[in-house]
C-alpha atoms as a PDB file:
ATOM      1  CA  UNK A   1     102.974  90.776 110.100  1.00  0.00           C
ATOM      2  CA  UNK A   2     101.493  89.060 107.097  1.00  0.00           C
ATOM      3  CA  UNK A   3      98.377  87.139 107.982  1.00  0.00           C
ATOM      4  CA  UNK A   4      97.988  88.680 111.443  1.00  0.00           C
ATOM      5  CA  UNK A   5      95.450  91.317 112.442  1.00  0.00           C
ATOM      6  CA  UNK A   6      96.541  94.113 114.726  1.00  0.00           C
ATOM      7  CA  UNK A   7      94.177  95.197 117.475  1.00  0.00           C
ATOM      8  CA  UNK A   8      92.240  98.329 116.557  1.00  0.00           C
ATOM      9  CA  UNK A   9      93.084  98.137 112.835  1.00  0.00           C
ATOM     10  CA  UNK A  10      90.445  97.896 110.157  1.00  0.00           C
ATOM     11  CA  UNK A  11      90.518  97.685 106.391  1.00  0.00           C
ATOM     12  CA  UNK A  12      90.530 101.130 104.791  1.00  0.00           C
ATOM     13  CA  UNK A  13      89.934 100.687 101.061  1.00  0.00           C
ATOM     14  CA  UNK A  14      87.496 103.387  99.939  1.00  0.00           C
ATOM     15  CA  UNK A  15      86.956 107.053 100.718  1.00  0.00           C
ATOM     16  CA  UNK A  16      84.082 107.409 103.174  1.00  0.00           C
ATOM     17  CA  UNK A  17      83.169 110.745 101.617  1.00  0.00           C
ATOM     18  CA  UNK A  18      83.080 110.087  97.845  1.00  0.00           C
ATOM     19  CA  UNK A  19      83.611 106.312  97.536  1.00  0.00           C
ATOM     20  CA  UNK A  20      86.871 106.554  95.541  1.00  0.00           C
ATOM     21  CA  UNK A  21      88.711 103.200  95.592  1.00  0.00           C
ATOM     22  CA  UNK A  22      91.979 103.977  93.786  1.00  0.00           C
ATOM     23  CA  UNK A  23      94.170 104.416  96.880  1.00  0.00           C
ATOM     24  CA  UNK A  24      95.155 107.380  99.026  1.00  0.00           C
ATOM     25  CA  UNK A  25      97.876 109.992  99.121  1.00  0.00           C
ATOM     26  CA  UNK A  26      99.849 110.620 102.310  1.00  0.00           C
ATOM     27  CA  UNK A  27      99.787 114.036 103.953  1.00  0.00           C
ATOM     28  CA  UNK A  28     102.375 114.908 106.612  1.00  0.00           C
ATOM     29  CA  UNK A  29     101.842 117.565 109.281  1.00  0.00           C
ATOM     30  CA  UNK A  30     104.640 118.710 111.596  1.00  0.00           C
ATOM     31  CA  UNK A  31     103.803 118.674 115.301  1.00  0.00           C
ATOM     32  CA  UNK A  32     105.602 119.877 118.407  1.00  0.00           C
ATOM     33  CA  UNK A  33     108.604 117.922 119.668  1.00  0.00           C
ATOM     34  CA  UNK A  34     109.691 116.625 116.266  1.00  0.00           C
ATOM     35  CA  UNK A  35     106.613 114.463 115.751  1.00  0.00           C
ATOM     36  CA  UNK A  36     104.847 114.273 112.396  1.00  0.00           C
ATOM     37  CA  UNK A  37     101.198 113.286 111.935  1.00  0.00           C
ATOM     38  CA  UNK A  38     100.552 111.047 108.936  1.00  0.00           C
ATOM     39  CA  UNK A  39      97.120 111.374 107.338  1.00  0.00           C
ATOM     40  CA  UNK A  40      95.472 109.701 104.359  1.00  0.00           C
ATOM     41  CA  UNK A  41      94.090 112.091 101.739  1.00  0.00           C
ATOM     42  CA  UNK A  42      91.634 111.153  99.006  1.00  0.00           C
ATOM     43  CA  UNK A  43      92.964 112.250  95.599  1.00  0.00           C
ATOM     44  CA  UNK A  44      89.417 112.528  94.256  1.00  0.00           C
ATOM     45  CA  UNK A  45      87.645 114.779  96.806  1.00  0.00           C
ATOM     46  CA  UNK A  46      90.634 115.906  98.998  1.00  0.00           C
ATOM     47  CA  UNK A  47      89.026 114.648 102.241  1.00  0.00           C
ATOM     48  CA  UNK A  48      91.717 113.949 104.857  1.00  0.00           C
ATOM     49  CA  UNK A  49      91.486 111.016 107.264  1.00  0.00           C
ATOM     50  CA  UNK A  50      93.438 111.100 110.531  1.00  0.00           C
ATOM     51  CA  UNK A  51      94.001 107.528 111.733  1.00  0.00           C
ATOM     52  CA  UNK A  52      96.228 108.608 114.604  1.00  0.00           C
ATOM     53  CA  UNK A  53      99.492 107.611 112.908  1.00  0.00           C
ATOM     54  CA  UNK A  54     102.526 109.500 114.246  1.00  0.00           C
ATOM     55  CA  UNK A  55     106.203 109.299 113.327  1.00  0.00           C
ATOM     56  CA  UNK A  56     109.347 111.051 114.504  1.00  0.00           C
ATOM     57  CA  UNK A  57     111.804 112.453 111.950  1.00  0.00           C
END
């Protein structure tokens, strides 16, 4: 989808807690029914951001 914006998506470049701009780690959390929540975690301050991303493994 290069060049297209998806509805409800926004740019997420810096940690809203500490301002770190070097990228994020991924944190996975198992949920019921085989779903996994995907969260972004700041490597500087460890704040986790839940953007509502879900996958099924």
